[in-house]
Amino acid sequence: MRKELILQGFESLIENLSIIIRYEKGDFQGGLCTVSDKRVLILNNKLTIDQKISIMAQELKQLNLDKIYIRPALRAIIEEKAN
């Protein structure tokens, strides 16, 4: 699966979980946080696609996704972050 499609798949999944995605400038990598009672995933817009995918997968791994359908290729990437 192409990296661009993986990134789009994660973005769609995150939005379907009612998490806002924001790409920002700054001296940080990114992560999931709560802002005004809303879950927000903030990512540095200068990260590579691989780095963005990695951070998204790491943050998704922290959530209970057992009852949510996730494409097998994306679920494999999330599960890989457990190791």
C-alpha atoms as a PDB file:
ATOM      1  CA  MET A   1       0.000   0.000   0.000  1.00  0.00           C
ATOM      2  CA  ARG A   2       1.415   3.409  -0.949  1.00  0.00           C
ATOM      3  CA  LYS A   3       2.376   5.718   1.889  1.00  0.00           C
ATOM      4  CA  GLU A   4       0.034   8.462   0.686  1.00  0.00           C
ATOM      5  CA  LEU A   5      -2.899   6.030   0.815  1.00  0.00           C
ATOM      6  CA  ILE A   6      -1.893   4.844   4.276  1.00  0.00           C
ATOM      7  CA  LEU A   7      -1.775   8.441   5.494  1.00  0.00           C
ATOM      8  CA  GLN A   8      -5.195   9.163   3.964  1.00  0.00           C
ATOM      9  CA  GLY A   9      -6.573   5.986   5.532  1.00  0.00           C
ATOM     10  CA  PHE A  10      -5.342   7.000   8.975  1.00  0.00           C
ATOM     11  CA  GLU A  11      -6.689  10.528   8.529  1.00  0.00           C
ATOM     12  CA  SER A  12     -10.128   9.124   7.623  1.00  0.00           C
ATOM     13  CA  LEU A  13     -10.072   6.698  10.533  1.00  0.00           C
ATOM     14  CA  ILE A  14      -9.101   9.424  12.988  1.00  0.00           C
ATOM     15  CA  GLU A  15     -11.814  11.761  11.705  1.00  0.00           C
ATOM     16  CA  ASN A  16     -14.378   8.914  11.960  1.00  0.00           C
ATOM     17  CA  LEU A  17     -13.388   8.602  15.627  1.00  0.00           C
ATOM     18  CA  SER A  18     -14.394  12.292  16.063  1.00  0.00           C
ATOM     19  CA  ILE A  19     -10.789  13.340  16.545  1.00  0.00           C
ATOM     20  CA  ILE A  20      -9.742  16.608  14.959  1.00  0.00           C
ATOM     21  CA  ILE A  21      -6.466  16.550  13.020  1.00  0.00           C
ATOM     22  CA  ARG A  22      -4.353  19.690  12.956  1.00  0.00           C
ATOM     23  CA  TYR A  23      -1.071  20.198  11.155  1.00  0.00           C
ATOM     24  CA  GLU A  24       0.891  22.971  12.852  1.00  0.00           C
ATOM     25  CA  LYS A  25       4.306  24.616  12.812  1.00  0.00           C
ATOM     26  CA  GLY A  26       6.586  24.326  15.801  1.00  0.00           C
ATOM     27  CA  ASP A  27       9.297  22.457  17.635  1.00  0.00           C
ATOM     28  CA  PHE A  28       7.400  19.237  18.374  1.00  0.00           C
ATOM     29  CA  GLN A  29       6.569  15.892  16.793  1.00  0.00           C
ATOM     30  CA  GLY A  30       2.902  15.574  17.634  1.00  0.00           C
ATOM     31  CA  GLY A  31       0.373  13.595  19.564  1.00  0.00           C
ATOM     32  CA  LEU A  32      -3.165  13.272  20.821  1.00  0.00           C
ATOM     33  CA  CYS A  33      -4.457  15.785  23.348  1.00  0.00           C
ATOM     34  CA  THR A  34      -7.679  17.338  24.585  1.00  0.00           C
ATOM     35  CA  VAL A  35      -8.489  20.963  23.770  1.00  0.00           C
ATOM     36  CA  SER A  36     -11.748  22.454  25.074  1.00  0.00           C
ATOM     37  CA  ASP A  37     -13.189  18.965  25.707  1.00  0.00           C
ATOM     38  CA  LYS A  38     -12.384  17.838  22.142  1.00  0.00           C
ATOM     39  CA  ARG A  39      -9.802  15.246  21.179  1.00  0.00           C
ATOM     40  CA  VAL A  40      -7.214  16.694  18.817  1.00  0.00           C
ATOM     41  CA  LEU A  41      -4.299  15.037  17.069  1.00  0.00           C
ATOM     42  CA  ILE A  42      -1.686  17.690  16.421  1.00  0.00           C
ATOM     43  CA  LEU A  43       1.154  16.924  14.019  1.00  0.00           C
ATOM     44  CA  ASN A  44       4.105  18.991  12.922  1.00  0.00           C
ATOM     45  CA  ASN A  45       3.496  19.794   9.259  1.00  0.00           C
ATOM     46  CA  LYS A  46       7.212  19.442   8.485  1.00  0.00           C
ATOM     47  CA  LEU A  47       7.291  15.740   9.375  1.00  0.00           C
ATOM     48  CA  THR A  48       7.822  13.180   6.642  1.00  0.00           C
ATOM     49  CA  ILE A  49       4.930  10.946   5.624  1.00  0.00           C
ATOM     50  CA  ASP A  50       6.608   8.041   7.465  1.00  0.00           C
ATOM     51  CA  GLN A  51       6.828  10.095  10.661  1.00  0.00           C
ATOM     52  CA  LYS A  52       3.177  11.190  10.406  1.00  0.00           C
ATOM     53  CA  ILE A  53       2.052   7.601   9.858  1.00  0.00           C
ATOM     54  CA  SER A  54       4.147   6.421  12.794  1.00  0.00           C
ATOM     55  CA  ILE A  55       2.735   9.020  15.200  1.00  0.00           C
ATOM     56  CA  MET A  56      -0.839   8.356  14.067  1.00  0.00           C
ATOM     57  CA  ALA A  57      -0.377   4.617  14.533  1.00  0.00           C
ATOM     58  CA  GLN A  58       1.177   5.089  17.976  1.00  0.00           C
ATOM     59  CA  GLU A  59      -1.692   7.283  19.119  1.00  0.00           C
ATOM     60  CA  LEU A  60      -4.338   4.968  17.647  1.00  0.00           C
ATOM     61  CA  LYS A  61      -2.711   2.042  19.458  1.00  0.00           C
ATOM     62  CA  GLN A  62      -3.597   3.745  22.750  1.00  0.00           C
ATOM     63  CA  LEU A  63      -7.322   3.699  21.893  1.00  0.00           C
ATOM     64  CA  ASN A  64      -9.769   0.793  22.150  1.00  0.00           C
ATOM     65  CA  LEU A  65     -10.332  -0.073  18.495  1.00  0.00           C
ATOM     66  CA  ASP A  66     -11.526  -3.646  18.962  1.00  0.00           C
ATOM     67  CA  LYS A  67     -15.113  -3.000  17.832  1.00  0.00           C
ATOM     68  CA  ILE A  68     -14.208  -0.676  14.947  1.00  0.00           C
ATOM     69  CA  TYR A  69     -13.624  -1.899  11.413  1.00  0.00           C
ATOM     70  CA  ILE A  70     -10.163  -0.906  10.230  1.00  0.00           C
ATOM     71  CA  ARG A  71      -8.696  -1.988   6.918  1.00  0.00           C
ATOM     72  CA  PRO A  72      -6.328  -4.906   7.556  1.00  0.00           C
ATOM     73  CA  ALA A  73      -3.280  -3.043   6.192  1.00  0.00           C
ATOM     74  CA  LEU A  74      -3.884  -0.144   8.589  1.00  0.00           C
ATOM     75  CA  ARG A  75      -4.613  -2.429  11.542  1.00  0.00           C
ATOM     76  CA  ALA A  76      -1.321  -4.261  10.875  1.00  0.00           C
ATOM     77  CA  ILE A  77       0.588  -0.969  11.084  1.00  0.00           C
ATOM     78  CA  ILE A  78      -1.173  -0.077  14.348  1.00  0.00           C
ATOM     79  CA  GLU A  79      -0.470  -3.514  15.824  1.00  0.00           C
ATOM     80  CA  GLU A  80       3.182  -3.227  14.764  1.00  0.00           C
ATOM     81  CA  LYS A  81       3.504  -0.207  17.075  1.00  0.00           C
ATOM     82  CA  ALA A  82       2.718  -2.437  20.049  1.00  0.00           C
ATOM     83  CA  ASN A  83       6.102  -4.135  19.720  1.00  0.00           C
END
